[in-house]
Each structure stands twice: as C-alpha cells, then as structure tokens.
Amino acid sequence: ITPFISGEFIVSGVARANYSELFYCDDDVSGIIWYKCKLNFITLDEKTGATKRQPTNILVQATDIRDAIRRLDEGMKGTMVDYEIAAVSETAIVDVYPYEADPDVKPEFKEAENR
C-alpha cells in the first residue's frame, strides 16, 4: 500500500467480501482501479423450460470501465456457461491481498477434520 499513502496508517476494519473470482491487471500502468462486476449466469431448467439467472460478483482490475468490461469478457472466455453483465461499478478498493493458507496448517476445529 506504500505507493498510495505516506506515513502511518491504521486498518480500521476487515470484512469478508462476496466475490467468486478476481481478474488482475498485469500491466504496469498508473490509475489501476478495481471494478465490481455483477454477472448473471444463465441456465435452462430442463423440467420447466424456463431460464434461470444466478447472480455472481467478480472483481476486475482495470484502467477504466471499458477496460474492465474487456478484461471481464477475456477472463470469461474459457467458460462454458452463458452469462450477461448486469452491472459494472467502480469500488473504493485500493489493493487486494489474497489469502493463501500453508498446507501444513491444521483446522481449528476437530470436527472439521472428520468431514
């Protein structure tokens, strides 16, 4: 976070976010912004013949909204499911630090080991 601030800072809160996927921008460009993209996955119910839309949120890093849509479509290129873009909005997220657990870490709860 050093490029964005100077001096001391305080983390005032940490919250879990409901994103199913992250698409990073590998370009070394200033002005990178995180966009929240709401997608609807479209499926067909074989029994009723009705189409169902299952919403999901994807976080995309891009330079502007057009670039976010382009990167979203590029990231979704290999999927087999039909989708529609319901909304794209700029977030206040400065940076994302994905959590990666060590493979040797044991679960906190003994019940989780038996499942």
Protein backbone atom coordinates (compact mmCIF):
# COMPACT_ATOMS: atom_id res chain seq x y z
CA ILE A 1 0.00 0.00 0.00
CA THR A 2 3.11 2.22 0.19
CA PRO A 3 2.60 3.81 -3.26
CA PHE A 4 -0.80 5.13 -2.20
CA ILE A 5 -0.02 6.65 1.21
CA SER A 6 2.78 8.21 3.24
CA GLY A 7 3.34 7.99 6.97
CA GLU A 8 1.49 5.75 9.38
CA PHE A 9 -1.91 4.23 8.73
CA ILE A 10 -4.48 2.22 10.65
CA VAL A 11 -6.55 -0.66 9.33
CA SER A 12 -9.97 0.33 10.65
CA GLY A 13 -11.77 -2.83 9.63
CA VAL A 14 -11.57 -6.07 7.74
CA ALA A 15 -14.64 -7.62 6.16
CA ARG A 16 -15.32 -10.67 4.05
CA ALA A 17 -16.40 -9.84 0.52
CA ASN A 18 -18.59 -11.99 -1.70
CA TYR A 19 -16.56 -12.26 -4.90
CA SER A 20 -16.38 -15.53 -6.80
CA GLU A 21 -13.38 -14.57 -8.95
CA LEU A 22 -10.60 -11.99 -9.24
CA PHE A 23 -9.21 -10.81 -12.57
CA TYR A 24 -5.90 -8.97 -12.12
CA CYS A 25 -4.37 -6.43 -14.49
CA ASP A 26 -0.76 -7.41 -15.15
CA ASP A 27 0.03 -4.16 -16.95
CA ASP A 28 2.32 -1.72 -15.14
CA VAL A 29 0.01 1.24 -15.64
CA SER A 30 -0.87 4.01 -13.19
CA GLY A 31 -4.51 4.62 -12.40
CA ILE A 32 -5.49 0.99 -11.92
CA ILE A 33 -8.96 0.71 -10.37
CA TRP A 34 -10.90 -2.29 -9.02
CA TYR A 35 -14.37 -2.74 -10.53
CA LYS A 36 -17.19 -4.85 -9.12
CA CYS A 37 -18.87 -6.70 -11.97
CA LYS A 38 -22.22 -8.32 -11.33
CA LEU A 39 -22.87 -11.19 -13.73
CA ASN A 40 -25.91 -13.36 -14.21
CA PHE A 41 -25.12 -16.92 -15.22
CA ILE A 42 -27.93 -18.11 -17.48
CA THR A 43 -29.07 -21.73 -17.24
CA LEU A 44 -32.03 -23.57 -18.65
CA ASP A 45 -34.27 -25.59 -16.34
CA GLU A 46 -34.91 -28.78 -18.31
CA LYS A 47 -38.12 -29.65 -16.42
CA THR A 48 -39.93 -26.34 -16.84
CA GLY A 49 -38.07 -24.94 -19.85
CA ALA A 50 -37.57 -21.65 -18.03
CA THR A 51 -34.29 -19.78 -17.98
CA LYS A 52 -32.73 -19.11 -14.61
CA ARG A 53 -30.29 -16.35 -13.78
CA GLN A 54 -27.80 -16.96 -10.99
CA PRO A 55 -26.08 -13.74 -9.87
CA THR A 56 -22.38 -13.66 -9.01
CA ASN A 57 -19.84 -10.92 -8.33
CA ILE A 58 -16.41 -10.72 -9.91
CA LEU A 59 -13.70 -8.21 -9.04
CA VAL A 60 -11.80 -6.86 -12.06
CA GLN A 61 -8.71 -4.65 -12.01
CA ALA A 62 -8.62 -2.22 -14.95
CA THR A 63 -7.81 1.33 -16.04
CA ASP A 64 -11.38 2.37 -16.87
CA ILE A 65 -14.86 0.89 -17.22
CA ARG A 66 -14.38 -0.10 -20.88
CA ASP A 67 -11.15 -1.87 -19.97
CA ALA A 68 -12.94 -3.62 -17.07
CA ILE A 69 -15.62 -4.99 -19.43
CA ARG A 70 -12.95 -6.08 -21.93
CA ARG A 71 -10.94 -7.84 -19.21
CA LEU A 72 -14.09 -9.44 -17.81
CA ASP A 73 -15.04 -10.85 -21.22
CA GLU A 74 -11.45 -12.01 -21.73
CA GLY A 75 -11.43 -13.74 -18.35
CA MET A 76 -14.76 -15.44 -19.01
CA LYS A 77 -13.73 -16.61 -22.49
CA GLY A 78 -12.94 -20.18 -21.42
CA THR A 79 -16.18 -20.79 -19.53
CA MET A 80 -18.95 -22.96 -20.91
CA VAL A 81 -21.83 -21.12 -19.19
CA ASP A 82 -23.78 -18.30 -20.79
CA TYR A 83 -23.71 -15.03 -18.88
CA GLU A 84 -24.89 -11.46 -19.05
CA ILE A 85 -23.26 -8.43 -17.48
CA ALA A 86 -25.83 -6.88 -15.15
CA ALA A 87 -23.69 -4.09 -13.67
CA VAL A 88 -20.16 -2.73 -13.53
CA SER A 89 -19.24 -0.22 -10.84
CA GLU A 90 -16.05 1.32 -9.53
CA THR A 91 -15.08 0.31 -5.99
CA ALA A 92 -13.13 2.08 -3.25
CA ILE A 93 -10.77 -0.91 -3.03
CA VAL A 94 -7.13 0.19 -3.20
CA ASP A 95 -5.46 -3.22 -3.32
CA VAL A 96 -6.25 -6.91 -2.87
CA TYR A 97 -4.14 -9.34 -0.89
CA PRO A 98 -5.36 -12.90 -1.48
CA TYR A 99 -5.15 -15.25 1.49
CA GLU A 100 -3.17 -18.42 0.96
CA ALA A 101 -3.05 -20.91 3.83
CA ASP A 102 0.02 -23.02 4.46
CA PRO A 103 -0.62 -26.66 3.50
CA ASP A 104 0.57 -27.85 6.94
CA VAL A 105 -1.95 -25.75 8.88
CA LYS A 106 -4.47 -27.88 10.76
CA PRO A 107 -8.13 -26.84 11.10
CA GLU A 108 -9.09 -25.02 14.27
CA PHE A 109 -11.96 -27.37 14.99
CA LYS A 110 -11.53 -31.11 15.34
CA GLU A 111 -14.99 -31.70 13.78
CA ALA A 112 -13.70 -30.22 10.50
CA GLU A 113 -11.04 -32.92 10.21
CA ASN A 114 -13.66 -35.69 10.18
CA ARG A 115 -15.74 -34.24 7.32
